[in-house]
Amino acid sequence: MTMTQLQNVLNAIDTINKADINTTLVDGIAQPKELVYGRHMTTCLEKYWPEADEYLQIAVRAQHVKRWQLKRIDFPAGKQGYLTWRKELGIFHAATAKALMLEHGYSEDSAETTAAIIRKEKLKSNDNSQTLEDVACLVFLQYYFDEFAAKHKEEKIIRIVQLTWRKMSTQGQEIALSLTLPAHLAELVGKALA
């Protein structure tokens, strides 16, 4: 596949995510939330996994493509409802990315390979699925952990950090430990890993 094809798919993902009505502040300017998220994901991948193949590059950028379409509120309350929502999101993001790849000349096999990564199939045995998980965890710690921690009790935060940690590879964990987090967040991570 050509670099142009890859770039066209990444641009198509960004174009979709520019339509996100939810915004996040970047340097004081409101930006579409999932557009920002996708770019954080790509930046993290490029920094720590510069040799990533194009399937993983697309999967990372499409991890939350059009996420606002499936709202948490439309699923039952409680843990089971949350897990159902998360599974449906994975299927939805994978299908969206696959359609974009097919539209831009990728083969069915290539598009399905990427979709399987986004669905996080064979997490511990598929290196690309595992790396996608690692990137998502690292981006959470770097950009979204502070906001999450501000909304929840310490015991819940510690439990989430422990769950996140278990999902990561050894390499992902090592990178996480090398991040410079604000003192209050670093302390929470320390407690979670103690």
C-alpha atoms as a PDB file:
ATOM      1  CA  MET A   1       0.000   0.000   0.000  1.00  0.00           C
ATOM      2  CA  THR A   2       1.139   3.530  -0.643  1.00  0.00           C
ATOM      3  CA  MET A   3       1.794   6.146   2.024  1.00  0.00           C
ATOM      4  CA  THR A   4      -0.843   8.245   0.259  1.00  0.00           C
ATOM      5  CA  GLN A   5      -3.453   5.544   0.898  1.00  0.00           C
ATOM      6  CA  LEU A   6      -2.543   5.441   4.574  1.00  0.00           C
ATOM      7  CA  GLN A   7      -2.648   9.247   4.804  1.00  0.00           C
ATOM      8  CA  ASN A   8      -6.006   9.332   3.025  1.00  0.00           C
ATOM      9  CA  VAL A   9      -7.526   6.957   5.588  1.00  0.00           C
ATOM     10  CA  LEU A  10      -6.051   8.915   8.519  1.00  0.00           C
ATOM     11  CA  ASN A  11      -7.424  12.129   6.994  1.00  0.00           C
ATOM     12  CA  ALA A  12     -10.838  10.490   6.519  1.00  0.00           C
ATOM     13  CA  ILE A  13     -10.875   9.470  10.202  1.00  0.00           C
ATOM     14  CA  ASP A  14      -9.963  13.041  11.196  1.00  0.00           C
ATOM     15  CA  THR A  15     -12.675  14.463   8.939  1.00  0.00           C
ATOM     16  CA  ILE A  16     -15.285  12.295  10.678  1.00  0.00           C
ATOM     17  CA  ASN A  17     -13.945  13.218  14.128  1.00  0.00           C
ATOM     18  CA  LYS A  18     -14.015  16.949  13.309  1.00  0.00           C
ATOM     19  CA  ALA A  19     -17.812  16.587  13.437  1.00  0.00           C
ATOM     20  CA  ASP A  20     -17.717  15.633  17.143  1.00  0.00           C
ATOM     21  CA  ILE A  21     -20.051  18.002  18.983  1.00  0.00           C
ATOM     22  CA  ASN A  22     -18.226  17.265  22.259  1.00  0.00           C
ATOM     23  CA  THR A  23     -15.240  19.512  22.746  1.00  0.00           C
ATOM     24  CA  THR A  24     -12.104  19.565  24.834  1.00  0.00           C
ATOM     25  CA  LEU A  25      -9.864  22.554  25.522  1.00  0.00           C
ATOM     26  CA  VAL A  26      -6.426  22.549  23.909  1.00  0.00           C
ATOM     27  CA  ASP A  27      -4.360  25.615  24.855  1.00  0.00           C
ATOM     28  CA  GLY A  28      -7.600  27.361  25.792  1.00  0.00           C
ATOM     29  CA  ILE A  29      -9.285  26.629  22.447  1.00  0.00           C
ATOM     30  CA  ALA A  30     -12.279  24.270  22.149  1.00  0.00           C
ATOM     31  CA  GLN A  31     -11.482  21.384  19.775  1.00  0.00           C
ATOM     32  CA  PRO A  32     -13.566  18.331  18.766  1.00  0.00           C
ATOM     33  CA  LYS A  33     -12.933  15.789  21.534  1.00  0.00           C
ATOM     34  CA  GLU A  34     -12.349  12.645  19.434  1.00  0.00           C
ATOM     35  CA  LEU A  35     -10.188  14.515  16.911  1.00  0.00           C
ATOM     36  CA  VAL A  36      -7.873  15.504  19.769  1.00  0.00           C
ATOM     37  CA  TYR A  37      -7.976  11.966  21.186  1.00  0.00           C
ATOM     38  CA  GLY A  38      -7.039  10.396  17.828  1.00  0.00           C
ATOM     39  CA  ARG A  39      -4.075  12.735  17.465  1.00  0.00           C
ATOM     40  CA  HIS A  40      -2.891  12.001  21.024  1.00  0.00           C
ATOM     41  CA  MET A  41      -3.062   8.298  20.161  1.00  0.00           C
ATOM     42  CA  THR A  42      -1.005   8.744  16.974  1.00  0.00           C
ATOM     43  CA  THR A  43       1.594  10.921  18.737  1.00  0.00           C
ATOM     44  CA  CYS A  44       2.025   8.285  21.456  1.00  0.00           C
ATOM     45  CA  LEU A  45       2.360   5.471  18.891  1.00  0.00           C
ATOM     46  CA  GLU A  46       4.947   7.412  16.858  1.00  0.00           C
ATOM     47  CA  LYS A  47       6.981   8.191  19.972  1.00  0.00           C
ATOM     48  CA  TYR A  48       7.163   4.707  21.482  1.00  0.00           C
ATOM     49  CA  TRP A  49       6.429   2.376  18.541  1.00  0.00           C
ATOM     50  CA  PRO A  50       7.887   4.201  15.512  1.00  0.00           C
ATOM     51  CA  GLU A  51       8.093   0.925  13.530  1.00  0.00           C
ATOM     52  CA  ALA A  52       4.305   0.333  13.747  1.00  0.00           C
ATOM     53  CA  ASP A  53       2.755  -1.016  10.539  1.00  0.00           C
ATOM     54  CA  GLU A  54      -0.025   0.844   8.753  1.00  0.00           C
ATOM     55  CA  TYR A  55      -2.765  -1.416  10.170  1.00  0.00           C
ATOM     56  CA  LEU A  56      -1.788  -0.405  13.683  1.00  0.00           C
ATOM     57  CA  GLN A  57      -1.400   3.253  12.669  1.00  0.00           C
ATOM     58  CA  ILE A  58      -4.982   3.251  11.350  1.00  0.00           C
ATOM     59  CA  ALA A  59      -6.323   1.281  14.343  1.00  0.00           C
ATOM     60  CA  VAL A  60      -4.761   3.730  16.795  1.00  0.00           C
ATOM     61  CA  ARG A  61      -6.219   6.757  15.002  1.00  0.00           C
ATOM     62  CA  ALA A  62      -9.646   5.071  14.656  1.00  0.00           C
ATOM     63  CA  GLN A  63      -9.830   3.785  18.251  1.00  0.00           C
ATOM     64  CA  HIS A  64     -12.599   6.339  19.028  1.00  0.00           C
ATOM     65  CA  VAL A  65     -13.777   7.238  15.515  1.00  0.00           C
ATOM     66  CA  LYS A  66     -17.316   8.705  15.636  1.00  0.00           C
ATOM     67  CA  ARG A  67     -17.573   7.658  19.295  1.00  0.00           C
ATOM     68  CA  TRP A  68     -20.340  10.156  20.043  1.00  0.00           C
ATOM     69  CA  GLN A  69     -22.754   8.101  17.897  1.00  0.00           C
ATOM     70  CA  LEU A  70     -23.119   5.413  20.589  1.00  0.00           C
ATOM     71  CA  LYS A  71     -23.986   7.163  23.827  1.00  0.00           C
ATOM     72  CA  ARG A  72     -23.469   5.526  27.206  1.00  0.00           C
ATOM     73  CA  ILE A  73     -26.934   6.749  28.225  1.00  0.00           C
ATOM     74  CA  ASP A  74     -28.523   4.548  25.543  1.00  0.00           C
ATOM     75  CA  PHE A  75     -27.316   1.410  27.345  1.00  0.00           C
ATOM     76  CA  PRO A  76     -28.496  -0.002  30.692  1.00  0.00           C
ATOM     77  CA  ALA A  77     -27.036   1.433  33.892  1.00  0.00           C
ATOM     78  CA  GLY A  78     -24.527  -0.573  35.914  1.00  0.00           C
ATOM     79  CA  LYS A  79     -21.449  -2.588  35.087  1.00  0.00           C
ATOM     80  CA  GLN A  80     -23.104  -4.954  32.586  1.00  0.00           C
ATOM     81  CA  GLY A  81     -24.556  -2.030  30.638  1.00  0.00           C
ATOM     82  CA  TYR A  82     -21.154  -0.340  30.633  1.00  0.00           C
ATOM     83  CA  LEU A  83     -19.404  -3.476  29.349  1.00  0.00           C
ATOM     84  CA  THR A  84     -22.052  -3.948  26.626  1.00  0.00           C
ATOM     85  CA  TRP A  85     -21.565  -0.312  25.554  1.00  0.00           C
ATOM     86  CA  ARG A  86     -17.776  -0.739  25.417  1.00  0.00           C
ATOM     87  CA  LYS A  87     -18.070  -3.923  23.328  1.00  0.00           C
ATOM     88  CA  GLU A  88     -20.521  -2.270  20.929  1.00  0.00           C
ATOM     89  CA  LEU A  89     -18.176   0.715  20.607  1.00  0.00           C
ATOM     90  CA  GLY A  90     -15.285  -1.569  19.640  1.00  0.00           C
ATOM     91  CA  ILE A  91     -17.411  -3.252  16.967  1.00  0.00           C
ATOM     92  CA  PHE A  92     -18.643   0.132  15.702  1.00  0.00           C
ATOM     93  CA  HIS A  93     -15.168   1.725  15.542  1.00  0.00           C
ATOM     94  CA  ALA A  94     -13.794  -1.382  13.794  1.00  0.00           C
ATOM     95  CA  ALA A  95     -16.588  -1.392  11.197  1.00  0.00           C
ATOM     96  CA  THR A  96     -16.156   2.347  10.560  1.00  0.00           C
ATOM     97  CA  ALA A  97     -12.387   1.995  10.047  1.00  0.00           C
ATOM     98  CA  LYS A  98     -12.843  -1.054   7.828  1.00  0.00           C
ATOM     99  CA  ALA A  99     -15.329   0.792   5.593  1.00  0.00           C
ATOM    100  CA  LEU A 100     -12.925   3.749   5.257  1.00  0.00           C
ATOM    101  CA  MET A 101     -10.050   1.437   4.304  1.00  0.00           C
ATOM    102  CA  LEU A 102     -12.133  -0.352   1.666  1.00  0.00           C
ATOM    103  CA  GLU A 103     -13.238   3.031   0.329  1.00  0.00           C
ATOM    104  CA  HIS A 104      -9.574   4.043  -0.061  1.00  0.00           C
ATOM    105  CA  GLY A 105      -8.476   0.935  -1.945  1.00  0.00           C
ATOM    106  CA  TYR A 106      -7.300  -1.404   0.812  1.00  0.00           C
ATOM    107  CA  SER A 107      -8.081  -5.098   0.399  1.00  0.00           C
ATOM    108  CA  GLU A 108     -10.740  -6.894   2.447  1.00  0.00           C
ATOM    109  CA  ASP A 109      -7.928  -8.755   4.293  1.00  0.00           C
ATOM    110  CA  SER A 110      -6.077  -5.559   5.191  1.00  0.00           C
ATOM    111  CA  ALA A 111      -9.255  -3.849   6.342  1.00  0.00           C
ATOM    112  CA  GLU A 112     -10.281  -6.885   8.426  1.00  0.00           C
ATOM    113  CA  THR A 113      -6.783  -7.110   9.971  1.00  0.00           C
ATOM    114  CA  THR A 114      -7.188  -3.517  11.180  1.00  0.00           C
ATOM    115  CA  ALA A 115     -10.759  -4.117  12.372  1.00  0.00           C
ATOM    116  CA  ALA A 116      -9.572  -7.108  14.467  1.00  0.00           C
ATOM    117  CA  ILE A 117      -6.950  -4.883  16.131  1.00  0.00           C
ATOM    118  CA  ILE A 118      -9.605  -2.293  17.015  1.00  0.00           C
ATOM    119  CA  ARG A 119     -11.865  -5.034  18.417  1.00  0.00           C
ATOM    120  CA  LYS A 120      -8.783  -6.025  20.457  1.00  0.00           C
ATOM    121  CA  GLU A 121      -8.991  -9.644  19.393  1.00  0.00           C
ATOM    122  CA  LYS A 122      -6.345 -12.034  20.780  1.00  0.00           C
ATOM    123  CA  LEU A 123      -5.152  -9.253  23.074  1.00  0.00           C
ATOM    124  CA  LYS A 124      -2.198 -11.044  24.649  1.00  0.00           C
ATOM    125  CA  SER A 125      -1.115 -12.918  21.496  1.00  0.00           C
ATOM    126  CA  ASN A 126      -1.661 -10.267  18.816  1.00  0.00           C
ATOM    127  CA  ASP A 127       1.134  -7.705  19.217  1.00  0.00           C
ATOM    128  CA  ASN A 128      -0.819  -5.008  17.383  1.00  0.00           C
ATOM    129  CA  SER A 129      -3.928  -5.457  19.567  1.00  0.00           C
ATOM    130  CA  GLN A 130      -1.705  -5.328  22.645  1.00  0.00           C
ATOM    131  CA  THR A 131       0.089  -2.206  21.430  1.00  0.00           C
ATOM    132  CA  LEU A 132      -3.258  -0.495  20.761  1.00  0.00           C
ATOM    133  CA  GLU A 133      -4.231  -1.310  24.359  1.00  0.00           C
ATOM    134  CA  ASP A 134      -0.889   0.038  25.632  1.00  0.00           C
ATOM    135  CA  VAL A 135      -1.255   3.265  23.644  1.00  0.00           C
ATOM    136  CA  ALA A 136      -4.826   3.776  24.933  1.00  0.00           C
ATOM    137  CA  CYS A 137      -3.661   3.238  28.535  1.00  0.00           C
ATOM    138  CA  LEU A 138      -0.703   5.629  28.131  1.00  0.00           C
ATOM    139  CA  VAL A 139      -2.879   8.321  26.531  1.00  0.00           C
ATOM    140  CA  PHE A 140      -5.361   7.936  29.395  1.00  0.00           C
ATOM    141  CA  LEU A 141      -2.595   8.391  31.978  1.00  0.00           C
ATOM    142  CA  GLN A 142      -1.096  11.387  30.190  1.00  0.00           C
ATOM    143  CA  TYR A 143      -4.190  13.315  29.151  1.00  0.00           C
ATOM    144  CA  TYR A 144      -7.332  12.030  30.856  1.00  0.00           C
ATOM    145  CA  PHE A 145      -6.303  10.633  34.245  1.00  0.00           C
ATOM    146  CA  ASP A 146      -6.367  14.004  36.031  1.00  0.00           C
ATOM    147  CA  GLU A 147      -9.951  14.755  34.953  1.00  0.00           C
ATOM    148  CA  PHE A 148     -11.026  11.190  35.842  1.00  0.00           C
ATOM    149  CA  ALA A 149      -9.305  11.326  39.243  1.00  0.00           C
ATOM    150  CA  ALA A 150     -11.026  14.623  40.081  1.00  0.00           C
ATOM    151  CA  LYS A 151     -14.457  12.980  39.673  1.00  0.00           C
ATOM    152  CA  HIS A 152     -13.972   9.755  41.641  1.00  0.00           C
ATOM    153  CA  LYS A 153     -13.111   8.471  45.103  1.00  0.00           C
ATOM    154  CA  GLU A 154      -9.551   7.273  45.708  1.00  0.00           C
ATOM    155  CA  GLU A 155     -10.503   3.571  46.021  1.00  0.00           C
ATOM    156  CA  LYS A 156     -12.192   3.607  42.590  1.00  0.00           C
ATOM    157  CA  ILE A 157      -9.210   5.413  41.020  1.00  0.00           C
ATOM    158  CA  ILE A 158      -6.779   2.868  42.489  1.00  0.00           C
ATOM    159  CA  ARG A 159      -8.933  -0.012  41.201  1.00  0.00           C
ATOM    160  CA  ILE A 160      -9.044   1.518  37.695  1.00  0.00           C
ATOM    161  CA  VAL A 161      -5.269   2.021  37.667  1.00  0.00           C
ATOM    162  CA  GLN A 162      -4.784  -1.618  38.743  1.00  0.00           C
ATOM    163  CA  LEU A 163      -7.150  -2.850  35.997  1.00  0.00           C
ATOM    164  CA  THR A 164      -5.398  -0.631  33.441  1.00  0.00           C
ATOM    165  CA  TRP A 165      -2.010  -1.945  34.560  1.00  0.00           C
ATOM    166  CA  ARG A 166      -3.059  -5.567  34.082  1.00  0.00           C
ATOM    167  CA  LYS A 167      -4.143  -4.837  30.507  1.00  0.00           C
ATOM    168  CA  MET A 168      -0.718  -3.455  29.571  1.00  0.00           C
ATOM    169  CA  SER A 169       2.347  -5.293  28.293  1.00  0.00           C
ATOM    170  CA  THR A 170       5.635  -5.141  30.217  1.00  0.00           C
ATOM    171  CA  GLN A 171       6.864  -2.566  27.691  1.00  0.00           C
ATOM    172  CA  GLY A 172       3.713  -0.483  28.165  1.00  0.00           C
ATOM    173  CA  GLN A 173       4.141  -0.624  31.950  1.00  0.00           C
ATOM    174  CA  GLU A 174       7.782   0.483  31.664  1.00  0.00           C
ATOM    175  CA  ILE A 175       6.784   3.451  29.499  1.00  0.00           C
ATOM    176  CA  ALA A 176       3.998   4.327  31.973  1.00  0.00           C
ATOM    177  CA  LEU A 177       6.505   4.366  34.830  1.00  0.00           C
ATOM    178  CA  SER A 178       8.732   6.709  32.816  1.00  0.00           C
ATOM    179  CA  LEU A 179       5.934   9.315  32.376  1.00  0.00           C
ATOM    180  CA  THR A 180       6.200  12.489  34.405  1.00  0.00           C
ATOM    181  CA  LEU A 181       2.809  12.772  36.063  1.00  0.00           C
ATOM    182  CA  PRO A 182       1.712  15.542  38.455  1.00  0.00           C
ATOM    183  CA  ALA A 183       2.614  14.595  42.049  1.00  0.00           C
ATOM    184  CA  HIS A 184      -0.977  13.792  43.148  1.00  0.00           C
ATOM    185  CA  LEU A 185      -1.445  11.436  40.188  1.00  0.00           C
ATOM    186  CA  ALA A 186       1.957   9.800  40.599  1.00  0.00           C
ATOM    187  CA  GLU A 187       1.007   9.152  44.237  1.00  0.00           C
ATOM    188  CA  LEU A 188      -2.235   7.440  43.158  1.00  0.00           C
ATOM    189  CA  VAL A 189      -0.316   5.248  40.683  1.00  0.00           C
ATOM    190  CA  GLY A 190       2.172   4.405  43.453  1.00  0.00           C
ATOM    191  CA  LYS A 191      -0.654   3.346  45.780  1.00  0.00           C
ATOM    192  CA  ALA A 192      -2.263   1.264  43.026  1.00  0.00           C
ATOM    193  CA  LEU A 193       0.947  -0.587  42.307  1.00  0.00           C
ATOM    194  CA  ALA A 194       2.026  -1.054  45.927  1.00  0.00           C
END
